[in-house]
Amino acid sequence: MAGKASVVFAHGLWADGSCFAKLIPTLQAEGHEVLASQHGLDSLEGDVACVTRAINRVPGPVVLVGHSYGGTLITKAGIHDRVGALVYICALAPDDDETSQEQQDKFAATPVFEHIEVADNRVYLKESGITHFCGDLPPEEQKLVLATGAVPIADIFNQQVPGNAWRTKPSWAIVGTQDQTVNPDLERAAAERMKATTISLDSSHVPMLSQPKAVLDVIRDAARSLG
């Protein structure tokens, strides 16, 4: 596997590492060492630390890939000196002076947030909201997504830790034009602010599950940039 960049994935809310299951085997077969961070969404600081531990377990250089809130995580953890490229999938990418929530508040709220329930200080996605999260997946896959998703602590979007990797490192951004979870306008504005290489897909919030081949092409492009 010498000469191949490693790939580390960071999942978002109502997800876990299995949301990258359609990408990982192909990347492994192509010679990349791959790890998916399995963080508990208990705190931003703890989740960033978990992603950093995953980076520490693979050889460099590293392509760091974040989906949704995972974009916040790679923005912070990506300051690691062996991370060479960042890939944002329908993701948040807050600057140092804004939280994830403050970035979202600059754009219209999306339909998924009409289908949440706060219980035990956690934010649950109701079954009625799953089509707004991954509506371009077959029904059986939607049920699997709902069953395997980690549930965030209620204030996670309002937490902050230092770090902004996209200010200094090359970035790629996938915009899901039919996204009903993260506003596509936010995704486009974030990509422009990051000066990211931007790809638009006619997808829901989860193109890595609905259009894995297109997402793989973006990750490969980022990996090739590292030599």
C-alpha atoms as a PDB file:
ATOM      1  CA  MET A   1       0.000   0.000   0.000  1.00  0.00           C
ATOM      2  CA  ALA A   2       3.046   2.241  -0.187  1.00  0.00           C
ATOM      3  CA  GLY A   3       2.375   5.514  -1.891  1.00  0.00           C
ATOM      4  CA  LYS A   4      -1.374   5.428  -1.369  1.00  0.00           C
ATOM      5  CA  ALA A   5      -3.018   8.079   0.784  1.00  0.00           C
ATOM      6  CA  SER A   6      -5.004   6.848   3.756  1.00  0.00           C
ATOM      7  CA  VAL A   7      -8.666   7.800   4.100  1.00  0.00           C
ATOM      8  CA  VAL A   8     -10.380   8.643   7.400  1.00  0.00           C
ATOM      9  CA  PHE A   9     -14.144   9.149   7.527  1.00  0.00           C
ATOM     10  CA  ALA A  10     -16.142  11.222  10.024  1.00  0.00           C
ATOM     11  CA  HIS A  11     -19.906  10.667  10.229  1.00  0.00           C
ATOM     12  CA  GLY A  12     -22.561  13.155  11.237  1.00  0.00           C
ATOM     13  CA  LEU A  13     -25.781  13.129  13.247  1.00  0.00           C
ATOM     14  CA  TRP A  14     -28.173  10.168  13.008  1.00  0.00           C
ATOM     15  CA  ALA A  15     -25.402   8.117  11.432  1.00  0.00           C
ATOM     16  CA  ASP A  16     -22.391   5.991  12.266  1.00  0.00           C
ATOM     17  CA  GLY A  17     -19.407   4.656  10.374  1.00  0.00           C
ATOM     18  CA  SER A  18     -21.612   2.252   8.425  1.00  0.00           C
ATOM     19  CA  CYS A  19     -22.887   5.176   6.347  1.00  0.00           C
ATOM     20  CA  PHE A  20     -19.610   4.849   4.405  1.00  0.00           C
ATOM     21  CA  ALA A  21     -20.011   1.108   3.818  1.00  0.00           C
ATOM     22  CA  LYS A  22     -20.486   1.529   0.060  1.00  0.00           C
ATOM     23  CA  LEU A  23     -17.165   3.409  -0.202  1.00  0.00           C
ATOM     24  CA  ILE A  24     -14.785   1.585   2.136  1.00  0.00           C
ATOM     25  CA  PRO A  25     -14.408  -1.809   0.379  1.00  0.00           C
ATOM     26  CA  THR A  26     -13.606  -0.158  -2.962  1.00  0.00           C
ATOM     27  CA  LEU A  27     -11.027   2.161  -1.430  1.00  0.00           C
ATOM     28  CA  GLN A  28      -9.433  -0.760   0.409  1.00  0.00           C
ATOM     29  CA  ALA A  29      -9.320  -2.806  -2.784  1.00  0.00           C
ATOM     30  CA  GLU A  30      -7.580   0.102  -4.497  1.00  0.00           C
ATOM     31  CA  GLY A  31      -4.839   0.056  -1.859  1.00  0.00           C
ATOM     32  CA  HIS A  32      -5.904   2.739   0.601  1.00  0.00           C
ATOM     33  CA  GLU A  33      -5.808   2.205   4.334  1.00  0.00           C
ATOM     34  CA  VAL A  34      -9.222   3.266   5.614  1.00  0.00           C
ATOM     35  CA  LEU A  35     -10.715   4.000   9.041  1.00  0.00           C
ATOM     36  CA  ALA A  36     -14.119   5.355   9.987  1.00  0.00           C
ATOM     37  CA  SER A  37     -14.272   7.259  13.245  1.00  0.00           C
ATOM     38  CA  GLN A  38     -17.012   5.900  15.516  1.00  0.00           C
ATOM     39  CA  HIS A  39     -17.761   8.878  17.730  1.00  0.00           C
ATOM     40  CA  GLY A  40     -20.609   9.125  20.172  1.00  0.00           C
ATOM     41  CA  LEU A  41     -21.893  12.660  19.479  1.00  0.00           C
ATOM     42  CA  ASP A  42     -21.528  13.369  23.196  1.00  0.00           C
ATOM     43  CA  SER A  43     -19.487  16.546  22.729  1.00  0.00           C
ATOM     44  CA  LEU A  44     -17.718  18.377  19.924  1.00  0.00           C
ATOM     45  CA  GLU A  45     -14.423  18.159  21.799  1.00  0.00           C
ATOM     46  CA  GLY A  46     -14.796  14.408  22.305  1.00  0.00           C
ATOM     47  CA  ASP A  47     -15.804  13.784  18.708  1.00  0.00           C
ATOM     48  CA  VAL A  48     -12.851  15.778  17.363  1.00  0.00           C
ATOM     49  CA  ALA A  49     -10.562  13.771  19.650  1.00  0.00           C
ATOM     50  CA  CYS A  50     -12.029  10.540  18.286  1.00  0.00           C
ATOM     51  CA  VAL A  51     -11.373  11.614  14.687  1.00  0.00           C
ATOM     52  CA  THR A  52      -7.844  12.618  15.671  1.00  0.00           C
ATOM     53  CA  ARG A  53      -7.245   9.159  17.157  1.00  0.00           C
ATOM     54  CA  ALA A  54      -8.359   7.614  13.860  1.00  0.00           C
ATOM     55  CA  ILE A  55      -5.898   9.830  11.978  1.00  0.00           C
ATOM     56  CA  ASN A  56      -3.159   8.681  14.341  1.00  0.00           C
ATOM     57  CA  ARG A  57      -3.880   5.028  13.477  1.00  0.00           C
ATOM     58  CA  VAL A  58      -3.206   5.324   9.738  1.00  0.00           C
ATOM     59  CA  PRO A  59      -0.086   6.314   7.801  1.00  0.00           C
ATOM     60  CA  GLY A  60       0.100   9.687   6.122  1.00  0.00           C
ATOM     61  CA  PRO A  61      -0.735  11.483   4.010  1.00  0.00           C
ATOM     62  CA  VAL A  62      -4.423  11.387   4.927  1.00  0.00           C
ATOM     63  CA  VAL A  63      -7.581  12.367   3.079  1.00  0.00           C
ATOM     64  CA  LEU A  64     -10.113  13.366   5.742  1.00  0.00           C
ATOM     65  CA  VAL A  65     -13.741  12.932   4.680  1.00  0.00           C
ATOM     66  CA  GLY A  66     -16.656  14.401   6.647  1.00  0.00           C
ATOM     67  CA  HIS A  67     -20.395  14.047   6.109  1.00  0.00           C
ATOM     68  CA  SER A  68     -22.854  16.611   7.520  1.00  0.00           C
ATOM     69  CA  TYR A  69     -21.733  17.498  11.100  1.00  0.00           C
ATOM     70  CA  GLY A  70     -18.674  15.429  10.242  1.00  0.00           C
ATOM     71  CA  GLY A  71     -17.630  18.463   8.216  1.00  0.00           C
ATOM     72  CA  THR A  72     -17.289  20.396  11.458  1.00  0.00           C
ATOM     73  CA  LEU A  73     -15.161  17.568  12.812  1.00  0.00           C
ATOM     74  CA  ILE A  74     -12.767  17.448   9.860  1.00  0.00           C
ATOM     75  CA  THR A  75     -12.488  21.230   9.953  1.00  0.00           C
ATOM     76  CA  LYS A  76     -11.169  20.905  13.508  1.00  0.00           C
ATOM     77  CA  ALA A  77      -9.282  17.588  13.390  1.00  0.00           C
ATOM     78  CA  GLY A  78      -7.878  18.391   9.952  1.00  0.00           C
ATOM     79  CA  ILE A  79      -5.220  20.656  11.422  1.00  0.00           C
ATOM     80  CA  HIS A  80      -3.317  17.412  12.099  1.00  0.00           C
ATOM     81  CA  ASP A  81       0.006  17.667  10.285  1.00  0.00           C
ATOM     82  CA  ARG A  82      -0.514  14.456   8.285  1.00  0.00           C
ATOM     83  CA  VAL A  83      -3.866  15.499   6.851  1.00  0.00           C
ATOM     84  CA  GLY A  84      -3.296  16.716   3.310  1.00  0.00           C
ATOM     85  CA  ALA A  85      -6.805  17.040   1.862  1.00  0.00           C
ATOM     86  CA  LEU A  86     -10.376  17.525   3.076  1.00  0.00           C
ATOM     87  CA  VAL A  87     -13.564  16.198   1.467  1.00  0.00           C
ATOM     88  CA  TYR A  88     -16.910  17.625   2.586  1.00  0.00           C
ATOM     89  CA  ILE A  89     -20.056  15.604   1.769  1.00  0.00           C
ATOM     90  CA  CYS A  90     -23.231  17.698   2.203  1.00  0.00           C
ATOM     91  CA  ALA A  91     -21.369  19.104   5.169  1.00  0.00           C
ATOM     92  CA  LEU A  92     -21.044  21.925   7.598  1.00  0.00           C
ATOM     93  CA  ALA A  93     -17.749  23.830   7.634  1.00  0.00           C
ATOM     94  CA  PRO A  94     -17.869  26.533  10.303  1.00  0.00           C
ATOM     95  CA  ASP A  95     -15.153  29.132  10.578  1.00  0.00           C
ATOM     96  CA  ASP A  96     -13.292  29.760  13.828  1.00  0.00           C
ATOM     97  CA  ASP A  97     -15.678  32.554  14.770  1.00  0.00           C
ATOM     98  CA  GLU A  98     -18.901  30.575  14.306  1.00  0.00           C
ATOM     99  CA  THR A  99     -20.461  27.418  15.679  1.00  0.00           C
ATOM    100  CA  SER A 100     -22.207  24.799  13.585  1.00  0.00           C
ATOM    101  CA  GLN A 101     -25.524  26.318  14.635  1.00  0.00           C
ATOM    102  CA  GLU A 102     -24.458  29.851  13.730  1.00  0.00           C
ATOM    103  CA  GLN A 103     -23.446  28.666  10.274  1.00  0.00           C
ATOM    104  CA  GLN A 104     -26.827  26.983   9.818  1.00  0.00           C
ATOM    105  CA  ASP A 105     -28.754  29.987  11.118  1.00  0.00           C
ATOM    106  CA  LYS A 106     -27.537  32.046   8.140  1.00  0.00           C
ATOM    107  CA  PHE A 107     -29.762  29.923   5.871  1.00  0.00           C
ATOM    108  CA  ALA A 108     -33.369  28.754   5.856  1.00  0.00           C
ATOM    109  CA  ALA A 109     -34.164  25.815   8.110  1.00  0.00           C
ATOM    110  CA  THR A 110     -34.585  22.509   6.308  1.00  0.00           C
ATOM    111  CA  PRO A 111     -37.624  20.187   6.495  1.00  0.00           C
ATOM    112  CA  VAL A 112     -35.906  17.492   8.539  1.00  0.00           C
ATOM    113  CA  PHE A 113     -35.993  19.691  11.652  1.00  0.00           C
ATOM    114  CA  GLU A 114     -39.784  19.515  11.663  1.00  0.00           C
ATOM    115  CA  HIS A 115     -39.380  15.813  12.479  1.00  0.00           C
ATOM    116  CA  ILE A 116     -37.158  15.701  15.551  1.00  0.00           C
ATOM    117  CA  GLU A 117     -37.780  14.933  19.206  1.00  0.00           C
ATOM    118  CA  VAL A 118     -35.629  15.908  22.175  1.00  0.00           C
ATOM    119  CA  ALA A 119     -35.595  13.286  24.921  1.00  0.00           C
ATOM    120  CA  ASP A 120     -32.991  12.456  27.588  1.00  0.00           C
ATOM    121  CA  ASN A 121     -31.045  15.514  26.367  1.00  0.00           C
ATOM    122  CA  ARG A 122     -30.636  13.887  22.944  1.00  0.00           C
ATOM    123  CA  VAL A 123     -32.043  14.886  19.562  1.00  0.00           C
ATOM    124  CA  TYR A 124     -33.844  12.005  17.877  1.00  0.00           C
ATOM    125  CA  LEU A 125     -34.893  11.851  14.243  1.00  0.00           C
ATOM    126  CA  LYS A 126     -38.479  10.631  14.049  1.00  0.00           C
ATOM    127  CA  GLU A 127     -39.425   7.953  11.573  1.00  0.00           C
ATOM    128  CA  SER A 128     -41.536  10.573   9.799  1.00  0.00           C
ATOM    129  CA  GLY A 129     -38.375  12.516   8.989  1.00  0.00           C
ATOM    130  CA  ILE A 130     -36.303   9.780   7.389  1.00  0.00           C
ATOM    131  CA  THR A 131     -37.401  10.684   3.849  1.00  0.00           C
ATOM    132  CA  HIS A 132     -36.042  14.199   4.427  1.00  0.00           C
ATOM    133  CA  PHE A 133     -32.714  12.650   5.421  1.00  0.00           C
ATOM    134  CA  CYS A 134     -32.244   9.915   2.829  1.00  0.00           C
ATOM    135  CA  GLY A 135     -35.323   9.932   0.628  1.00  0.00           C
ATOM    136  CA  ASP A 136     -33.493   8.736  -2.494  1.00  0.00           C
ATOM    137  CA  LEU A 137     -32.675   5.376  -0.885  1.00  0.00           C
ATOM    138  CA  PRO A 138     -34.929   2.300  -1.141  1.00  0.00           C
ATOM    139  CA  PRO A 139     -37.292   1.938   1.860  1.00  0.00           C
ATOM    140  CA  GLU A 140     -35.318  -0.942   3.368  1.00  0.00           C
ATOM    141  CA  GLU A 141     -32.129   1.123   3.298  1.00  0.00           C
ATOM    142  CA  GLN A 142     -33.928   4.070   4.867  1.00  0.00           C
ATOM    143  CA  LYS A 143     -34.985   1.797   7.737  1.00  0.00           C
ATOM    144  CA  LEU A 144     -31.387   0.655   8.206  1.00  0.00           C
ATOM    145  CA  VAL A 145     -30.174   4.254   8.347  1.00  0.00           C
ATOM    146  CA  LEU A 146     -32.774   5.066  10.990  1.00  0.00           C
ATOM    147  CA  ALA A 147     -31.852   1.989  13.053  1.00  0.00           C
ATOM    148  CA  THR A 148     -28.073   2.545  13.051  1.00  0.00           C
ATOM    149  CA  GLY A 149     -27.833   6.296  13.545  1.00  0.00           C
ATOM    150  CA  ALA A 150     -26.058   7.696  16.595  1.00  0.00           C
ATOM    151  CA  VAL A 151     -28.084  10.293  18.483  1.00  0.00           C
ATOM    152  CA  PRO A 152     -26.492  13.658  19.347  1.00  0.00           C
ATOM    153  CA  ILE A 153     -26.509  15.517  22.634  1.00  0.00           C
ATOM    154  CA  ALA A 154     -28.947  18.415  22.400  1.00  0.00           C
ATOM    155  CA  ASP A 155     -26.466  21.307  22.361  1.00  0.00           C
ATOM    156  CA  ILE A 156     -23.780  19.819  20.113  1.00  0.00           C
ATOM    157  CA  PHE A 157     -24.273  22.410  17.364  1.00  0.00           C
ATOM    158  CA  ASN A 158     -23.667  25.197  19.872  1.00  0.00           C
ATOM    159  CA  GLN A 159     -20.336  23.847  21.113  1.00  0.00           C
ATOM    160  CA  GLN A 160     -17.013  25.176  19.858  1.00  0.00           C
ATOM    161  CA  VAL A 161     -13.378  24.117  19.816  1.00  0.00           C
ATOM    162  CA  PRO A 162     -10.493  25.834  17.998  1.00  0.00           C
ATOM    163  CA  GLY A 163      -9.181  24.800  14.606  1.00  0.00           C
ATOM    164  CA  ASN A 164      -9.858  25.490  10.944  1.00  0.00           C
ATOM    165  CA  ALA A 165      -8.117  23.210   8.471  1.00  0.00           C
ATOM    166  CA  TRP A 166      -9.799  24.497   5.314  1.00  0.00           C
ATOM    167  CA  ARG A 167      -8.047  27.845   5.700  1.00  0.00           C
ATOM    168  CA  THR A 168      -4.731  26.200   4.837  1.00  0.00           C
ATOM    169  CA  LYS A 169      -5.488  22.839   3.185  1.00  0.00           C
ATOM    170  CA  PRO A 170      -7.064  21.936  -0.174  1.00  0.00           C
ATOM    171  CA  SER A 171     -10.726  21.018   0.015  1.00  0.00           C
ATOM    172  CA  TRP A 172     -13.332  19.254  -2.078  1.00  0.00           C
ATOM    173  CA  ALA A 173     -17.059  19.746  -1.518  1.00  0.00           C
ATOM    174  CA  ILE A 174     -20.049  17.696  -2.645  1.00  0.00           C
ATOM    175  CA  VAL A 175     -23.324  19.634  -2.776  1.00  0.00           C
ATOM    176  CA  GLY A 176     -26.525  17.589  -2.628  1.00  0.00           C
ATOM    177  CA  THR A 177     -28.939  19.692  -4.646  1.00  0.00           C
ATOM    178  CA  GLN A 178     -31.994  17.884  -3.191  1.00  0.00           C
ATOM    179  CA  ASP A 179     -30.696  17.907   0.391  1.00  0.00           C
ATOM    180  CA  GLN A 180     -33.468  18.471   2.953  1.00  0.00           C
ATOM    181  CA  THR A 181     -31.200  18.181   6.006  1.00  0.00           C
ATOM    182  CA  VAL A 182     -28.353  20.629   5.376  1.00  0.00           C
ATOM    183  CA  ASN A 183     -29.483  23.510   3.191  1.00  0.00           C
ATOM    184  CA  PRO A 184     -27.886  23.203  -0.279  1.00  0.00           C
ATOM    185  CA  ASP A 185     -27.363  26.987  -0.247  1.00  0.00           C
ATOM    186  CA  LEU A 186     -25.242  26.555   2.873  1.00  0.00           C
ATOM    187  CA  GLU A 187     -23.257  23.808   1.166  1.00  0.00           C
ATOM    188  CA  ARG A 188     -22.621  26.006  -1.879  1.00  0.00           C
ATOM    189  CA  ALA A 189     -21.668  29.038   0.204  1.00  0.00           C
ATOM    190  CA  ALA A 190     -19.347  26.947   2.364  1.00  0.00           C
ATOM    191  CA  ALA A 191     -17.657  25.483  -0.707  1.00  0.00           C
ATOM    192  CA  GLU A 192     -17.153  28.946  -2.172  1.00  0.00           C
ATOM    193  CA  ARG A 193     -15.738  30.264   1.110  1.00  0.00           C
ATOM    194  CA  MET A 194     -13.342  27.322   1.314  1.00  0.00           C
ATOM    195  CA  LYS A 195     -12.355  27.754  -2.350  1.00  0.00           C
ATOM    196  CA  ALA A 196     -13.131  24.064  -2.631  1.00  0.00           C
ATOM    197  CA  THR A 197     -13.253  21.985  -5.766  1.00  0.00           C
ATOM    198  CA  THR A 198     -17.041  21.632  -5.900  1.00  0.00           C
ATOM    199  CA  ILE A 199     -19.217  18.867  -7.318  1.00  0.00           C
ATOM    200  CA  SER A 200     -23.028  19.063  -7.372  1.00  0.00           C
ATOM    201  CA  LEU A 201     -25.047  15.850  -7.275  1.00  0.00           C
ATOM    202  CA  ASP A 202     -28.795  15.444  -7.674  1.00  0.00           C
ATOM    203  CA  SER A 203     -29.038  13.682  -4.332  1.00  0.00           C
ATOM    204  CA  SER A 204     -30.492  13.721  -0.858  1.00  0.00           C
ATOM    205  CA  HIS A 205     -28.333  14.301   2.210  1.00  0.00           C
ATOM    206  CA  VAL A 206     -26.581  10.935   1.761  1.00  0.00           C
ATOM    207  CA  PRO A 207     -24.934  10.756  -1.684  1.00  0.00           C
ATOM    208  CA  MET A 208     -22.343   8.315  -0.305  1.00  0.00           C
ATOM    209  CA  LEU A 209     -25.233   5.834  -0.074  1.00  0.00           C
ATOM    210  CA  SER A 210     -27.344   6.892  -3.062  1.00  0.00           C
ATOM    211  CA  GLN A 211     -24.531   7.772  -5.498  1.00  0.00           C
ATOM    212  CA  PRO A 212     -21.395   6.064  -4.125  1.00  0.00           C
ATOM    213  CA  LYS A 213     -19.553   5.928  -7.457  1.00  0.00           C
ATOM    214  CA  ALA A 214     -19.689   9.715  -7.823  1.00  0.00           C
ATOM    215  CA  VAL A 215     -18.509  10.226  -4.244  1.00  0.00           C
ATOM    216  CA  LEU A 216     -15.670   7.752  -4.747  1.00  0.00           C
ATOM    217  CA  ASP A 217     -14.499   9.773  -7.748  1.00  0.00           C
ATOM    218  CA  VAL A 218     -14.210  12.877  -5.559  1.00  0.00           C
ATOM    219  CA  ILE A 219     -12.243  11.025  -2.867  1.00  0.00           C
ATOM    220  CA  ARG A 220      -9.944   9.555  -5.507  1.00  0.00           C
ATOM    221  CA  ASP A 221      -9.330  13.036  -6.896  1.00  0.00           C
ATOM    222  CA  ALA A 222      -8.384  14.301  -3.444  1.00  0.00           C
ATOM    223  CA  ALA A 223      -6.113  11.292  -2.867  1.00  0.00           C
ATOM    224  CA  ARG A 224      -4.340  11.758  -6.213  1.00  0.00           C
ATOM    225  CA  SER A 225      -3.552  15.346  -5.235  1.00  0.00           C
ATOM    226  CA  LEU A 226      -1.380  14.004  -2.438  1.00  0.00           C
ATOM    227  CA  GLY A 227       0.839  12.008  -4.783  1.00  0.00           C
END
